[in-house]
């Protein structure tokens, strides 16, 4: 069996706090039986590059956020669990959180990435988990 690479993809409204993102992430990890497991990466849209909440979350986890361009996000459309009306209206994308997670997991693993957890929402953010494997 290979090494699993688990990543979190985020979408968020402007000004979303690190606390809200962390609460959403911790609840997701607990739900998936992954509490205490270290993530291999965080991803979001390049449009969120200047979001302090994402930067603070990443710093607290000792990770960098990988920012994904719109073309790569939209290339994941067929693998998304649903189309996001907000992402469609605001950015002409089918989704951000799931797409970002799939892109980064795919880059980290040697096998195709898949969603480990469909998108979850809080008041100001969305989160999805994706997984890929690489040979041991």
N, C-alpha and C. Protein backbone atom coordinates (compact mmCIF):
# COMPACT_ATOMS: atom_id res chain seq x y z
N UNK A 1 0.84 -1.18 0.00
CA UNK A 1 0.00 0.00 0.00
C UNK A 1 0.88 1.24 0.00
N UNK A 2 0.42 2.27 -0.69
CA UNK A 2 1.20 3.49 -0.79
C UNK A 2 0.96 4.46 0.36
N UNK A 3 1.70 5.54 0.31
CA UNK A 3 1.56 6.61 1.29
C UNK A 3 0.38 7.49 0.89
N UNK A 4 -0.54 7.71 1.81
CA UNK A 4 -1.69 8.56 1.53
C UNK A 4 -1.31 10.02 1.70
N UNK A 5 -1.75 10.83 0.75
CA UNK A 5 -1.58 12.28 0.81
C UNK A 5 -2.97 12.89 0.97
N UNK A 6 -3.20 13.54 2.09
CA UNK A 6 -4.51 14.14 2.37
C UNK A 6 -4.36 15.65 2.41
N UNK A 7 -5.20 16.32 1.66
CA UNK A 7 -5.15 17.78 1.59
C UNK A 7 -6.54 18.37 1.82
N UNK A 8 -6.54 19.62 2.25
CA UNK A 8 -7.78 20.37 2.44
C UNK A 8 -7.84 21.49 1.42
N UNK A 9 -8.98 21.61 0.78
CA UNK A 9 -9.22 22.71 -0.14
C UNK A 9 -10.25 23.64 0.48
N UNK A 10 -9.99 24.94 0.37
CA UNK A 10 -10.86 25.94 0.98
C UNK A 10 -11.38 26.93 -0.05
N UNK A 11 -12.60 27.34 0.15
CA UNK A 11 -13.16 28.54 -0.45
C UNK A 11 -13.60 29.41 0.71
N UNK A 12 -13.56 30.72 0.55
CA UNK A 12 -14.00 31.57 1.66
C UNK A 12 -14.38 32.96 1.16
N UNK A 13 -15.22 33.59 1.95
CA UNK A 13 -15.56 34.99 1.70
C UNK A 13 -14.42 35.87 2.19
N UNK A 14 -14.33 37.05 1.64
CA UNK A 14 -13.33 38.02 2.09
C UNK A 14 -13.46 38.23 3.60
N UNK A 15 -12.32 38.24 4.27
CA UNK A 15 -12.29 38.51 5.70
C UNK A 15 -12.63 37.33 6.59
N UNK A 16 -12.79 36.15 6.03
CA UNK A 16 -13.06 34.96 6.85
C UNK A 16 -11.88 34.75 7.81
N UNK A 17 -12.18 34.48 9.06
CA UNK A 17 -11.13 34.39 10.07
C UNK A 17 -10.46 33.01 10.10
N UNK A 18 -9.24 33.00 10.61
CA UNK A 18 -8.53 31.74 10.80
C UNK A 18 -9.29 30.85 11.78
N UNK A 19 -9.92 31.44 12.78
CA UNK A 19 -10.70 30.65 13.75
C UNK A 19 -11.84 29.90 13.07
N UNK A 20 -12.55 30.58 12.17
CA UNK A 20 -13.65 29.92 11.47
C UNK A 20 -13.13 28.80 10.58
N UNK A 21 -12.03 29.05 9.87
CA UNK A 21 -11.44 28.03 9.00
C UNK A 21 -10.95 26.84 9.81
N UNK A 22 -10.31 27.12 10.94
CA UNK A 22 -9.79 26.06 11.80
C UNK A 22 -10.92 25.22 12.39
N UNK A 23 -12.00 25.86 12.82
CA UNK A 23 -13.15 25.13 13.36
C UNK A 23 -13.75 24.21 12.30
N UNK A 24 -13.88 24.72 11.08
CA UNK A 24 -14.42 23.92 9.98
C UNK A 24 -13.50 22.74 9.68
N UNK A 25 -12.20 22.99 9.64
CA UNK A 25 -11.22 21.93 9.36
C UNK A 25 -11.22 20.87 10.46
N UNK A 26 -11.18 21.30 11.70
CA UNK A 26 -11.14 20.34 12.81
C UNK A 26 -12.39 19.48 12.85
N UNK A 27 -13.55 20.07 12.58
CA UNK A 27 -14.80 19.29 12.54
C UNK A 27 -14.75 18.26 11.41
N UNK A 28 -14.21 18.65 10.27
CA UNK A 28 -14.11 17.73 9.13
C UNK A 28 -13.16 16.57 9.43
N UNK A 29 -12.02 16.88 10.02
CA UNK A 29 -11.06 15.83 10.35
C UNK A 29 -11.64 14.87 11.38
N UNK A 30 -12.35 15.40 12.36
CA UNK A 30 -13.00 14.56 13.36
C UNK A 30 -14.05 13.67 12.71
N UNK A 31 -14.86 14.25 11.83
CA UNK A 31 -15.90 13.50 11.12
C UNK A 31 -15.31 12.34 10.32
N UNK A 32 -14.14 12.55 9.75
CA UNK A 32 -13.51 11.54 8.90
C UNK A 32 -12.59 10.59 9.68
N UNK A 33 -12.55 10.73 11.00
CA UNK A 33 -11.68 9.88 11.81
C UNK A 33 -10.22 10.22 11.65
N UNK A 34 -9.93 11.47 11.31
CA UNK A 34 -8.56 11.90 11.06
C UNK A 34 -8.06 12.91 12.08
N UNK A 35 -8.77 13.06 13.19
CA UNK A 35 -8.35 14.03 14.21
C UNK A 35 -6.92 13.72 14.63
N UNK A 36 -6.09 14.73 14.66
CA UNK A 36 -4.69 14.56 15.04
C UNK A 36 -3.78 14.17 13.90
N UNK A 37 -4.32 13.82 12.74
CA UNK A 37 -3.48 13.46 11.59
C UNK A 37 -3.01 14.73 10.90
N UNK A 38 -1.75 14.75 10.54
CA UNK A 38 -1.19 15.92 9.86
C UNK A 38 -1.61 15.91 8.39
N UNK A 39 -2.10 17.05 7.95
CA UNK A 39 -2.42 17.21 6.53
C UNK A 39 -1.14 17.38 5.72
N UNK A 40 -1.23 17.04 4.46
CA UNK A 40 -0.09 17.20 3.56
C UNK A 40 -0.14 18.51 2.80
N UNK A 41 -1.24 19.23 2.88
CA UNK A 41 -1.30 20.51 2.19
C UNK A 41 -2.65 21.19 2.31
N UNK A 42 -2.63 22.48 2.03
CA UNK A 42 -3.83 23.32 1.97
C UNK A 42 -3.87 23.97 0.60
N UNK A 43 -5.06 24.12 0.05
CA UNK A 43 -5.19 24.72 -1.28
C UNK A 43 -6.40 25.63 -1.33
N UNK A 44 -6.32 26.62 -2.20
CA UNK A 44 -7.45 27.51 -2.45
C UNK A 44 -7.24 28.16 -3.81
N UNK A 45 -8.18 28.98 -4.19
CA UNK A 45 -8.10 29.74 -5.43
C UNK A 45 -7.02 30.81 -5.32
N UNK A 46 -6.35 31.07 -6.43
CA UNK A 46 -5.36 32.14 -6.44
C UNK A 46 -6.01 33.48 -6.09
N UNK A 47 -7.30 33.58 -6.25
CA UNK A 47 -8.02 34.81 -5.89
C UNK A 47 -8.00 35.07 -4.38
N UNK A 48 -7.65 34.06 -3.61
CA UNK A 48 -7.63 34.17 -2.14
C UNK A 48 -6.23 34.36 -1.58
N UNK A 49 -5.29 34.65 -2.43
CA UNK A 49 -3.88 34.78 -2.04
C UNK A 49 -3.67 35.80 -0.92
N UNK A 50 -4.48 36.85 -0.87
CA UNK A 50 -4.28 37.91 0.13
C UNK A 50 -5.20 37.78 1.35
N UNK A 51 -5.77 36.60 1.55
CA UNK A 51 -6.67 36.40 2.69
C UNK A 51 -5.87 36.09 3.95
N UNK A 52 -5.91 36.99 4.94
CA UNK A 52 -5.14 36.76 6.16
C UNK A 52 -5.58 35.52 6.94
N UNK A 53 -6.87 35.20 6.91
CA UNK A 53 -7.34 34.01 7.63
C UNK A 53 -6.70 32.73 7.13
N UNK A 54 -6.59 32.60 5.81
CA UNK A 54 -5.93 31.42 5.23
C UNK A 54 -4.46 31.38 5.62
N UNK A 55 -3.79 32.54 5.54
CA UNK A 55 -2.37 32.61 5.89
C UNK A 55 -2.15 32.24 7.36
N UNK A 56 -3.01 32.74 8.23
CA UNK A 56 -2.87 32.44 9.66
C UNK A 56 -3.14 30.96 9.95
N UNK A 57 -4.14 30.39 9.29
CA UNK A 57 -4.41 28.96 9.46
C UNK A 57 -3.20 28.14 9.03
N UNK A 58 -2.67 28.45 7.87
CA UNK A 58 -1.52 27.71 7.35
C UNK A 58 -0.33 27.82 8.29
N UNK A 59 -0.07 29.02 8.76
CA UNK A 59 1.05 29.22 9.68
C UNK A 59 0.87 28.38 10.94
N UNK A 60 -0.33 28.36 11.47
CA UNK A 60 -0.61 27.57 12.67
C UNK A 60 -0.43 26.07 12.46
N UNK A 61 -0.63 25.62 11.22
CA UNK A 61 -0.48 24.20 10.89
C UNK A 61 0.92 23.86 10.39
N UNK A 62 1.74 24.88 10.20
CA UNK A 62 3.09 24.65 9.66
C UNK A 62 3.08 24.25 8.20
N UNK A 63 2.09 24.75 7.46
CA UNK A 63 1.94 24.44 6.03
C UNK A 63 1.89 25.73 5.22
N UNK A 64 2.10 25.61 3.94
CA UNK A 64 1.86 26.70 3.01
C UNK A 64 0.52 26.45 2.33
N UNK A 65 -0.11 27.52 1.89
CA UNK A 65 -1.31 27.38 1.06
C UNK A 65 -0.85 27.39 -0.39
N UNK A 66 -1.28 26.39 -1.14
CA UNK A 66 -1.02 26.36 -2.58
C UNK A 66 -2.22 27.00 -3.26
N UNK A 67 -1.95 28.06 -4.01
CA UNK A 67 -3.02 28.79 -4.68
C UNK A 67 -3.12 28.31 -6.12
N UNK A 68 -4.32 27.91 -6.50
CA UNK A 68 -4.57 27.26 -7.79
C UNK A 68 -5.27 28.24 -8.73
N UNK A 69 -4.81 28.28 -9.99
CA UNK A 69 -5.43 29.21 -10.94
C UNK A 69 -6.77 28.68 -11.43
N UNK A 70 -7.56 29.60 -11.99
CA UNK A 70 -8.93 29.27 -12.41
C UNK A 70 -8.97 28.13 -13.43
N UNK A 71 -8.03 28.11 -14.36
CA UNK A 71 -8.02 27.07 -15.39
C UNK A 71 -7.89 25.68 -14.76
N UNK A 72 -6.97 25.54 -13.81
CA UNK A 72 -6.79 24.25 -13.14
C UNK A 72 -7.99 23.88 -12.28
N UNK A 73 -8.59 24.88 -11.63
CA UNK A 73 -9.79 24.61 -10.83
C UNK A 73 -10.92 24.12 -11.72
N UNK A 74 -11.16 24.80 -12.81
CA UNK A 74 -12.28 24.44 -13.69
C UNK A 74 -12.04 23.10 -14.37
N UNK A 75 -10.78 22.71 -14.56
CA UNK A 75 -10.48 21.41 -15.16
C UNK A 75 -10.96 20.25 -14.29
N UNK A 76 -11.25 20.52 -13.02
CA UNK A 76 -11.74 19.48 -12.10
C UNK A 76 -13.26 19.38 -12.07
N UNK A 77 -13.95 20.13 -12.90
CA UNK A 77 -15.42 20.23 -12.84
C UNK A 77 -16.11 18.88 -12.83
N UNK A 78 -15.65 17.94 -13.62
CA UNK A 78 -16.31 16.63 -13.71
C UNK A 78 -16.21 15.84 -12.41
N UNK A 79 -15.22 16.14 -11.57
CA UNK A 79 -15.04 15.40 -10.33
C UNK A 79 -15.70 16.03 -9.11
N UNK A 80 -16.40 17.15 -9.30
CA UNK A 80 -17.02 17.84 -8.17
C UNK A 80 -18.36 17.19 -7.81
N UNK A 81 -18.70 17.23 -6.54
CA UNK A 81 -19.96 16.63 -6.09
C UNK A 81 -21.16 17.49 -6.45
N UNK A 82 -20.95 18.77 -6.64
CA UNK A 82 -22.02 19.69 -7.00
C UNK A 82 -21.42 20.97 -7.58
N UNK A 83 -22.22 21.68 -8.32
CA UNK A 83 -21.81 22.99 -8.83
C UNK A 83 -22.17 24.03 -7.77
N UNK A 84 -21.22 24.91 -7.48
CA UNK A 84 -21.45 25.97 -6.51
C UNK A 84 -22.06 27.18 -7.19
N UNK A 85 -23.28 27.55 -6.83
CA UNK A 85 -23.88 28.74 -7.44
C UNK A 85 -23.08 30.01 -7.16
N UNK A 86 -22.49 30.09 -5.97
CA UNK A 86 -21.69 31.27 -5.61
C UNK A 86 -20.44 31.34 -6.47
N UNK A 87 -19.70 30.24 -6.59
CA UNK A 87 -18.49 30.23 -7.41
C UNK A 87 -18.83 30.50 -8.87
N UNK A 88 -19.94 29.96 -9.33
CA UNK A 88 -20.35 30.17 -10.71
C UNK A 88 -20.65 31.65 -10.95
N UNK A 89 -21.41 32.25 -10.03
CA UNK A 89 -21.81 33.65 -10.18
C UNK A 89 -20.62 34.60 -10.03
N UNK A 90 -19.79 34.37 -9.02
CA UNK A 90 -18.70 35.30 -8.72
C UNK A 90 -17.47 35.13 -9.60
N UNK A 91 -17.15 33.87 -9.97
CA UNK A 91 -15.88 33.60 -10.63
C UNK A 91 -15.99 32.81 -11.93
N UNK A 92 -17.19 32.45 -12.33
CA UNK A 92 -17.41 31.61 -13.51
C UNK A 92 -16.70 30.26 -13.36
N UNK A 93 -16.71 29.72 -12.14
CA UNK A 93 -16.14 28.41 -11.83
C UNK A 93 -17.24 27.51 -11.30
N UNK A 94 -17.08 26.20 -11.47
CA UNK A 94 -18.06 25.25 -10.93
C UNK A 94 -17.87 25.00 -9.44
N UNK A 95 -16.69 25.32 -8.92
CA UNK A 95 -16.43 25.14 -7.50
C UNK A 95 -15.01 25.51 -7.16
N UNK A 96 -14.76 25.74 -5.87
CA UNK A 96 -13.41 26.11 -5.43
C UNK A 96 -12.85 25.08 -4.45
N UNK A 97 -13.53 24.83 -3.34
CA UNK A 97 -12.96 23.98 -2.29
C UNK A 97 -12.64 22.57 -2.79
N UNK A 98 -13.61 21.90 -3.40
CA UNK A 98 -13.37 20.54 -3.90
C UNK A 98 -12.34 20.54 -5.01
N UNK A 99 -12.45 21.50 -5.92
CA UNK A 99 -11.51 21.55 -7.05
C UNK A 99 -10.09 21.79 -6.57
N UNK A 100 -9.91 22.72 -5.63
CA UNK A 100 -8.57 23.01 -5.12
C UNK A 100 -7.97 21.79 -4.43
N UNK A 101 -8.79 21.10 -3.63
CA UNK A 101 -8.31 19.89 -2.95
C UNK A 101 -7.89 18.82 -3.95
N UNK A 102 -8.69 18.62 -4.98
CA UNK A 102 -8.37 17.61 -6.00
C UNK A 102 -7.09 17.96 -6.76
N UNK A 103 -6.92 19.22 -7.11
CA UNK A 103 -5.71 19.63 -7.84
C UNK A 103 -4.47 19.36 -7.00
N UNK A 104 -4.47 19.82 -5.76
CA UNK A 104 -3.28 19.66 -4.93
C UNK A 104 -3.01 18.20 -4.60
N UNK A 105 -4.03 17.44 -4.25
CA UNK A 105 -3.82 16.01 -3.97
C UNK A 105 -3.26 15.31 -5.19
N UNK A 106 -3.75 15.66 -6.36
CA UNK A 106 -3.22 15.08 -7.59
C UNK A 106 -1.76 15.41 -7.83
N UNK A 107 -1.36 16.60 -7.45
CA UNK A 107 0.05 17.00 -7.61
C UNK A 107 0.96 16.27 -6.63
N UNK A 108 0.44 15.95 -5.45
CA UNK A 108 1.26 15.32 -4.41
C UNK A 108 1.36 13.81 -4.55
N UNK A 109 0.38 13.19 -5.18
CA UNK A 109 0.37 11.74 -5.31
C UNK A 109 0.72 11.29 -6.71
N UNK A 110 0.90 10.00 -6.85
CA UNK A 110 1.21 9.42 -8.16
C UNK A 110 -0.01 8.77 -8.80
N UNK A 111 -1.09 8.71 -8.06
CA UNK A 111 -2.34 8.13 -8.55
C UNK A 111 -3.39 9.23 -8.57
N UNK A 112 -4.43 9.08 -9.36
CA UNK A 112 -5.46 10.12 -9.41
C UNK A 112 -6.04 10.42 -8.03
N UNK A 113 -6.29 11.68 -7.80
CA UNK A 113 -6.89 12.10 -6.53
C UNK A 113 -8.39 11.84 -6.55
N UNK A 114 -8.95 11.70 -5.36
CA UNK A 114 -10.40 11.56 -5.23
C UNK A 114 -10.83 12.33 -3.99
N UNK A 115 -12.09 12.73 -3.98
CA UNK A 115 -12.62 13.41 -2.80
C UNK A 115 -12.73 12.42 -1.65
N UNK A 116 -12.18 12.78 -0.54
CA UNK A 116 -12.32 12.00 0.69
C UNK A 116 -13.57 12.47 1.44
N UNK A 117 -13.84 13.77 1.35
CA UNK A 117 -15.02 14.36 1.96
C UNK A 117 -15.54 15.47 1.07
N UNK A 118 -16.82 15.36 0.73
CA UNK A 118 -17.44 16.42 -0.07
C UNK A 118 -17.43 17.74 0.69
N UNK A 119 -17.71 18.79 -0.03
CA UNK A 119 -17.69 20.13 0.53
C UNK A 119 -18.59 20.26 1.75
N UNK A 120 -18.04 20.91 2.78
CA UNK A 120 -18.77 21.29 3.98
C UNK A 120 -18.74 22.81 4.06
N UNK A 121 -19.76 23.38 4.69
CA UNK A 121 -19.88 24.84 4.75
C UNK A 121 -19.93 25.33 6.19
N UNK A 122 -19.40 26.53 6.37
CA UNK A 122 -19.64 27.31 7.58
C UNK A 122 -20.27 28.61 7.09
N UNK A 123 -20.42 29.58 7.94
CA UNK A 123 -21.05 30.84 7.53
C UNK A 123 -20.28 31.53 6.41
N UNK A 124 -18.95 31.45 6.44
CA UNK A 124 -18.13 32.21 5.49
C UNK A 124 -17.11 31.39 4.71
N UNK A 125 -17.19 30.07 4.82
CA UNK A 125 -16.16 29.25 4.17
C UNK A 125 -16.72 27.91 3.71
N UNK A 126 -16.00 27.30 2.79
CA UNK A 126 -16.26 25.93 2.37
C UNK A 126 -14.95 25.16 2.48
N UNK A 127 -15.06 23.87 2.70
CA UNK A 127 -13.90 23.01 2.87
C UNK A 127 -14.21 21.65 2.27
N UNK A 128 -13.24 21.07 1.59
CA UNK A 128 -13.32 19.69 1.11
C UNK A 128 -11.98 19.02 1.37
N UNK A 129 -12.00 17.72 1.53
CA UNK A 129 -10.78 16.94 1.70
C UNK A 129 -10.61 16.02 0.50
N UNK A 130 -9.38 15.91 0.02
CA UNK A 130 -9.08 15.00 -1.08
C UNK A 130 -7.88 14.15 -0.68
N UNK A 131 -7.77 13.01 -1.33
CA UNK A 131 -6.71 12.06 -1.03
C UNK A 131 -6.13 11.50 -2.32
N UNK A 132 -4.85 11.24 -2.29
CA UNK A 132 -4.20 10.50 -3.36
C UNK A 132 -3.15 9.62 -2.70
N UNK A 133 -2.64 8.68 -3.46
CA UNK A 133 -1.62 7.79 -2.91
C UNK A 133 -0.39 7.83 -3.80
N UNK A 134 0.74 7.61 -3.15
CA UNK A 134 1.96 7.45 -3.92
C UNK A 134 2.59 6.15 -3.46
N UNK A 135 3.35 5.54 -4.32
CA UNK A 135 3.95 4.25 -3.99
C UNK A 135 4.86 4.38 -2.79
N UNK A 136 4.84 3.37 -1.92
CA UNK A 136 5.68 3.37 -0.71
C UNK A 136 7.13 3.18 -1.07
